[in-house]
Amino acid sequence: MNKTKGIILTIFATMSFGFLPFFAKTAYANGFNPYSFSLYRSLFAAVALFIFIKLYKIDYKATKAQYFTLFKVSLFGYSLMMLTLNTSLLYMSSGLAMTLHFIYPIVVMLASVFFYKEKIGTKKVLALILSISGIYFLIGFNSMSTISLIGFWLALISGVLYAYYILTVSNSNIKNLSGFVITFYLSLFNTYILFTISFATGNLSMSYNYKGLLSTIMVALVCNLFGMVAFQTGLKYITATASSILSTFEPITSLVVGIIIFNEYLAWYHFVGSILIIISVIIVSLTEKKMKEVANDSKYEIV
């Protein structure tokens, strides 16, 4: 049951993250820039989560060591990840940047094997290959004509930083904290970090209107309050590798949102990419459930 819960929560989270491009485009068209959009997203999320934690009387205390880990994850795993990814979009197409960003499942798998001694079966390797191939067809196909060296490295770095975020939440001293508490502190620290960076670089935009403001509130609720909490809770039940592969479901949601809302073009390679990713998700889901069955059976073995 816990494995199934983790899979469902992770897929729900990645579907929530798929709405991010829609909210971002709306905010950018109404006075926000990548810096201020990320800042206000974190600010509204921190406020909403603090109210939620207080209403439901959730214990949000942490140790000094946990506060330090949360700050590191916020700085390297989220704030700098968002800024490097957003900046890479200035040098190359969004399709290519996102394709390079999705290197993080590979990084997570390799790090899990070498640093956390996670056993990776052939099925998960196959799922990873299928998911990365699906990402290429879904958002990278026909996007390889304008490759910038600066953009290339920024997008890759953003993927490595996001891998760090997934691995730390899954394996560090904060993994037993409530998903609401983790997301609250990450949003709070992100607000401080992003305000400092935005102010120092002159990117603290204040010329927005109510549509842009509404978009940042919605992204805080959908992507932070629901998405990030669900993702971090899912990490308690399934491996970091499985979570990272399941995360590749996100671009499918973005594609559907783009077609429905922005009337974006749907090509044959979008179908191919979606099918490959769905197959990889099914493989991971079946593998995780099989791991649970084996674990349960081992309880009754006579040793």
Protein backbone atom coordinates (compact mmCIF):
# COMPACT_ATOMS: atom_id res chain seq x y z
CA MET A 1 0.00 0.00 0.00
CA ASN A 2 2.82 2.42 0.88
CA LYS A 3 4.57 1.86 -2.48
CA THR A 4 1.30 2.52 -4.31
CA LYS A 5 0.76 5.64 -2.22
CA GLY A 6 4.25 6.88 -3.06
CA ILE A 7 3.73 6.28 -6.79
CA ILE A 8 0.35 8.04 -6.82
CA LEU A 9 1.68 11.02 -4.83
CA THR A 10 4.72 11.39 -7.10
CA ILE A 11 2.66 11.25 -10.29
CA PHE A 12 0.18 13.75 -8.80
CA ALA A 13 3.09 16.04 -7.90
CA THR A 14 4.62 15.90 -11.38
CA MET A 15 1.23 16.61 -12.94
CA SER A 16 0.99 19.67 -10.68
CA PHE A 17 4.45 20.83 -11.79
CA GLY A 18 3.25 20.51 -15.40
CA PHE A 19 1.09 23.62 -14.89
CA LEU A 20 4.18 25.74 -14.13
CA PRO A 21 4.81 26.88 -17.77
CA PHE A 22 1.22 28.14 -18.02
CA PHE A 23 1.48 30.18 -14.81
CA ALA A 24 4.95 31.42 -15.75
CA LYS A 25 3.90 32.60 -19.23
CA THR A 26 0.91 34.42 -17.76
CA ALA A 27 3.03 36.09 -15.08
CA TYR A 28 5.76 37.11 -17.56
CA ALA A 29 3.14 38.67 -19.82
CA ASN A 30 1.83 40.72 -16.90
CA GLY A 31 4.90 42.37 -15.40
CA PHE A 32 6.93 39.60 -13.76
CA ASN A 33 10.39 38.35 -14.69
CA PRO A 34 11.91 34.94 -13.80
CA TYR A 35 13.44 36.35 -10.61
CA SER A 36 10.35 38.07 -9.24
CA PHE A 37 8.11 35.19 -10.34
CA SER A 38 10.23 32.68 -8.40
CA LEU A 39 10.43 35.05 -5.42
CA TYR A 40 6.69 35.68 -5.14
CA ARG A 41 5.93 32.00 -5.73
CA SER A 42 8.07 31.12 -2.71
CA LEU A 43 6.66 33.97 -0.59
CA PHE A 44 3.00 33.10 -1.17
CA ALA A 45 3.73 29.40 -0.64
CA ALA A 46 5.46 30.09 2.69
CA VAL A 47 2.51 32.18 3.90
CA ALA A 48 -0.09 29.61 2.77
CA LEU A 49 1.83 26.72 4.33
CA PHE A 50 2.35 28.59 7.62
CA ILE A 51 -1.41 29.19 7.88
CA PHE A 52 -2.10 25.53 7.03
CA ILE A 53 0.42 24.27 9.61
CA LYS A 54 -1.05 26.51 12.31
CA LEU A 55 -4.67 25.56 11.50
CA TYR A 56 -3.93 21.83 11.63
CA LYS A 57 -1.48 22.20 14.55
CA ILE A 58 1.38 20.45 12.75
CA ASP A 59 4.64 20.41 14.68
CA TYR A 60 7.11 22.40 12.57
CA LYS A 61 10.07 22.34 14.96
CA ALA A 62 13.39 21.05 13.64
CA THR A 63 16.87 20.53 15.02
CA LYS A 64 19.79 22.83 14.19
CA ALA A 65 21.22 20.15 11.93
CA GLN A 66 17.90 19.86 10.09
CA TYR A 67 17.65 23.65 9.68
CA PHE A 68 21.11 23.64 8.13
CA THR A 69 20.17 20.82 5.74
CA LEU A 70 16.94 22.61 4.78
CA PHE A 71 18.87 25.80 4.04
CA LYS A 72 21.40 23.91 1.87
CA VAL A 73 18.60 22.20 -0.05
CA SER A 74 16.85 25.53 -0.51
CA LEU A 75 20.00 27.30 -1.72
CA PHE A 76 21.52 24.68 -4.00
CA GLY A 77 18.61 22.35 -4.72
CA TYR A 78 15.90 24.87 -5.45
CA SER A 79 16.88 28.55 -5.61
CA LEU A 80 19.98 28.11 -7.76
CA MET A 81 18.25 25.35 -9.74
CA MET A 82 15.40 27.71 -10.69
CA LEU A 83 17.77 30.55 -11.55
CA THR A 84 20.15 28.45 -13.67
CA LEU A 85 17.25 26.85 -15.55
CA ASN A 86 15.46 30.17 -16.11
CA THR A 87 18.71 31.83 -17.23
CA SER A 88 19.46 29.01 -19.68
CA LEU A 89 16.22 29.94 -21.46
CA LEU A 90 17.85 33.23 -22.47
CA TYR A 91 20.44 31.33 -24.52
CA MET A 92 18.49 28.46 -26.10
CA SER A 93 15.01 27.15 -26.82
CA SER A 94 12.89 26.02 -23.91
CA GLY A 95 12.64 22.54 -25.46
CA LEU A 96 16.39 22.02 -25.51
CA ALA A 97 16.89 23.58 -22.07
CA MET A 98 14.26 21.32 -20.49
CA THR A 99 15.67 18.26 -22.27
CA LEU A 100 19.11 18.99 -20.78
CA HIS A 101 17.54 19.75 -17.38
CA PHE A 102 16.01 16.27 -17.37
CA ILE A 103 19.46 14.79 -16.93
CA TYR A 104 18.55 14.63 -13.24
CA PRO A 105 17.04 11.09 -13.31
CA ILE A 106 20.39 9.81 -14.60
CA VAL A 107 22.30 11.72 -11.90
CA VAL A 108 19.92 10.46 -9.21
CA MET A 109 20.30 6.85 -10.37
CA LEU A 110 24.11 7.00 -10.51
CA ALA A 111 24.39 8.76 -7.14
CA SER A 112 21.96 6.30 -5.56
CA VAL A 113 24.13 3.39 -6.72
CA PHE A 114 27.54 4.83 -5.81
CA PHE A 115 26.75 6.83 -2.66
CA TYR A 116 23.63 5.21 -1.19
CA LYS A 117 24.20 1.61 -2.36
CA GLU A 118 20.74 1.38 -3.92
CA LYS A 119 20.25 -1.74 -6.02
CA ILE A 120 19.16 -0.80 -9.55
CA GLY A 121 17.64 -3.59 -11.62
CA THR A 122 17.63 -3.84 -15.41
CA LYS A 123 13.96 -2.84 -15.51
CA LYS A 124 14.68 0.53 -13.90
CA VAL A 125 17.57 1.10 -16.28
CA LEU A 126 15.22 0.33 -19.18
CA ALA A 127 12.61 2.68 -17.70
CA LEU A 128 15.23 5.42 -17.42
CA ILE A 129 16.30 4.98 -21.05
CA LEU A 130 12.67 5.07 -22.20
CA SER A 131 11.84 8.13 -20.11
CA ILE A 132 14.87 10.12 -21.31
CA SER A 133 14.10 9.12 -24.91
CA GLY A 134 10.52 10.21 -24.33
CA ILE A 135 11.67 13.58 -23.01
CA TYR A 136 13.72 14.07 -26.17
CA PHE A 137 10.77 13.34 -28.45
CA LEU A 138 8.34 15.31 -26.32
CA ILE A 139 10.24 18.57 -25.82
CA GLY A 140 13.66 18.28 -27.45
CA PHE A 141 12.79 17.12 -30.96
CA ASN A 142 13.48 19.87 -33.56
CA SER A 143 15.12 21.99 -30.83
CA MET A 144 18.76 21.19 -31.53
CA SER A 145 19.51 23.93 -34.06
CA THR A 146 20.52 26.67 -31.61
CA ILE A 147 22.91 25.29 -29.00
CA SER A 148 24.67 27.82 -26.79
CA LEU A 149 27.62 26.67 -24.68
CA ILE A 150 26.56 28.91 -21.77
CA GLY A 151 22.94 27.78 -22.01
CA PHE A 152 24.04 24.16 -22.34
CA TRP A 153 26.01 24.20 -19.09
CA LEU A 154 23.39 26.23 -17.19
CA ALA A 155 20.65 23.74 -18.13
CA LEU A 156 22.84 20.76 -17.21
CA ILE A 157 23.79 22.37 -13.88
CA SER A 158 20.11 22.96 -13.12
CA GLY A 159 19.50 19.22 -13.60
CA VAL A 160 22.38 18.28 -11.29
CA LEU A 161 21.12 20.71 -8.63
CA TYR A 162 17.61 19.24 -8.82
CA ALA A 163 19.10 15.76 -8.44
CA TYR A 164 20.83 17.02 -5.29
CA TYR A 165 17.45 18.22 -4.01
CA ILE A 166 15.79 14.82 -4.60
CA LEU A 167 18.64 12.83 -3.08
CA THR A 168 18.92 15.06 0.00
CA VAL A 169 15.21 15.01 0.78
CA SER A 170 15.19 11.23 0.31
CA ASN A 171 18.34 10.33 2.27
CA SER A 172 19.24 13.08 4.76
CA ASN A 173 18.20 13.95 8.31
CA ILE A 174 15.08 15.80 7.04
CA LYS A 175 13.44 12.83 5.33
CA ASN A 176 11.26 12.05 8.36
CA LEU A 177 9.88 15.58 8.61
CA SER A 178 6.36 16.21 7.35
CA GLY A 179 6.14 17.14 3.67
CA PHE A 180 4.30 20.30 4.71
CA VAL A 181 7.10 21.26 7.10
CA ILE A 182 9.85 20.61 4.54
CA THR A 183 8.03 22.63 1.88
CA PHE A 184 7.33 25.45 4.33
CA TYR A 185 10.99 25.87 5.27
CA LEU A 186 12.17 25.50 1.67
CA SER A 187 9.70 28.17 0.58
CA LEU A 188 10.71 30.42 3.49
CA PHE A 189 14.45 30.09 2.80
CA ASN A 190 13.82 30.45 -0.94
CA THR A 191 12.05 33.75 -0.28
CA TYR A 192 15.07 35.11 1.60
CA ILE A 193 17.61 33.81 -0.92
CA LEU A 194 15.68 34.93 -4.01
CA PHE A 195 14.93 38.37 -2.54
CA THR A 196 18.65 38.88 -1.86
CA ILE A 197 19.66 37.74 -5.36
CA SER A 198 16.86 39.69 -7.09
CA PHE A 199 17.66 42.89 -5.18
CA ALA A 200 21.42 42.57 -5.74
CA THR A 201 21.01 41.99 -9.49
CA GLY A 202 18.34 44.68 -10.01
CA ASN A 203 15.69 42.14 -11.00
CA LEU A 204 13.18 42.89 -8.26
CA SER A 205 10.34 43.82 -10.62
CA MET A 206 7.37 45.65 -9.10
CA SER A 207 5.54 46.63 -12.32
CA TYR A 208 3.00 43.79 -12.33
CA ASN A 209 -0.79 43.73 -12.51
CA TYR A 210 -3.45 41.61 -10.85
CA LYS A 211 -3.29 38.88 -13.53
CA GLY A 212 0.42 38.39 -12.92
CA LEU A 213 -0.11 38.45 -9.17
CA LEU A 214 -2.91 35.88 -9.43
CA SER A 215 -0.66 33.60 -11.47
CA THR A 216 2.05 33.65 -8.79
CA ILE A 217 -0.54 32.87 -6.11
CA MET A 218 -1.87 29.95 -8.15
CA VAL A 219 1.60 28.54 -8.83
CA ALA A 220 2.34 28.76 -5.10
CA LEU A 221 -0.81 26.77 -4.30
CA VAL A 222 -0.67 24.25 -7.14
CA CYS A 223 3.10 23.66 -7.44
CA ASN A 224 4.28 24.29 -3.87
CA LEU A 225 1.38 23.57 -1.53
CA PHE A 226 0.14 20.55 -3.48
CA GLY A 227 2.99 19.54 -5.81
CA MET A 228 6.07 19.85 -3.60
CA VAL A 229 4.31 18.45 -0.53
CA ALA A 230 3.05 15.45 -2.51
CA PHE A 231 6.49 14.86 -4.06
CA GLN A 232 8.34 14.98 -0.76
CA THR A 233 5.76 12.74 0.89
CA GLY A 234 6.06 10.28 -2.00
CA LEU A 235 9.83 10.12 -1.44
CA LYS A 236 9.14 8.53 1.94
CA TYR A 237 7.62 5.47 0.28
CA ILE A 238 9.59 4.91 -2.95
CA THR A 239 13.24 5.26 -3.92
CA ALA A 240 14.80 8.46 -5.18
CA THR A 241 15.52 6.76 -8.51
CA ALA A 242 11.88 5.75 -8.95
CA SER A 243 10.71 9.26 -8.04
CA SER A 244 13.05 10.89 -10.55
CA ILE A 245 11.89 8.59 -13.37
CA LEU A 246 8.22 9.14 -12.50
CA SER A 247 8.93 12.89 -12.58
CA THR A 248 9.36 12.69 -16.35
CA PHE A 249 5.56 12.49 -16.48
CA GLU A 250 5.60 16.28 -15.93
CA PRO A 251 6.15 17.33 -19.59
CA ILE A 252 3.07 15.35 -20.67
CA THR A 253 0.93 17.54 -18.42
CA SER A 254 2.64 20.67 -19.78
CA LEU A 255 1.95 19.45 -23.32
CA VAL A 256 -1.74 18.86 -22.60
CA VAL A 257 -2.08 22.26 -20.90
CA GLY A 258 -0.32 23.94 -23.84
CA ILE A 259 -2.63 22.29 -26.38
CA ILE A 260 -5.83 23.07 -24.46
CA ILE A 261 -5.02 26.63 -23.33
CA PHE A 262 -2.49 27.94 -25.86
CA ASN A 263 -3.60 25.91 -28.90
CA GLU A 264 -0.06 24.64 -29.32
CA TYR A 265 0.84 22.31 -32.19
CA LEU A 266 0.58 18.55 -31.59
CA ALA A 267 2.99 16.52 -33.74
CA TRP A 268 3.71 12.82 -34.18
CA TYR A 269 6.83 13.02 -32.03
CA HIS A 270 4.73 14.29 -29.12
CA PHE A 271 2.75 11.05 -29.30
CA VAL A 272 5.95 8.98 -29.42
CA GLY A 273 7.45 10.82 -26.44
CA SER A 274 4.26 10.51 -24.38
CA ILE A 275 3.98 6.77 -25.07
CA LEU A 276 7.63 6.17 -24.11
CA ILE A 277 7.23 8.08 -20.85
CA ILE A 278 3.97 6.31 -19.98
CA ILE A 279 5.64 2.93 -20.59
CA SER A 280 8.56 3.94 -18.32
CA VAL A 281 6.10 5.01 -15.60
CA ILE A 282 4.31 1.65 -15.84
CA ILE A 283 7.64 -0.25 -15.61
CA VAL A 284 8.72 1.73 -12.54
CA SER A 285 5.31 1.27 -10.88
CA LEU A 286 5.37 -2.50 -11.43
CA THR A 287 9.00 -2.74 -10.28
CA GLU A 288 8.32 -0.81 -7.06
CA LYS A 289 5.30 -2.99 -6.28
CA LYS A 290 7.35 -6.12 -6.96
CA MET A 291 10.03 -4.87 -4.55
CA LYS A 292 7.34 -4.51 -1.89
CA GLU A 293 6.06 -8.06 -2.50
CA VAL A 294 9.59 -9.46 -2.22
CA ALA A 295 10.15 -7.49 1.00
CA ASN A 296 6.89 -8.81 2.46
CA ASP A 297 7.69 -12.40 1.47
CA SER A 298 11.13 -12.16 3.07
CA LYS A 299 9.47 -11.54 6.44
CA TYR A 300 8.25 -15.13 6.47
CA GLU A 301 11.48 -16.78 5.38
CA ILE A 302 13.06 -19.14 7.89
CA VAL A 303 16.67 -18.25 8.53
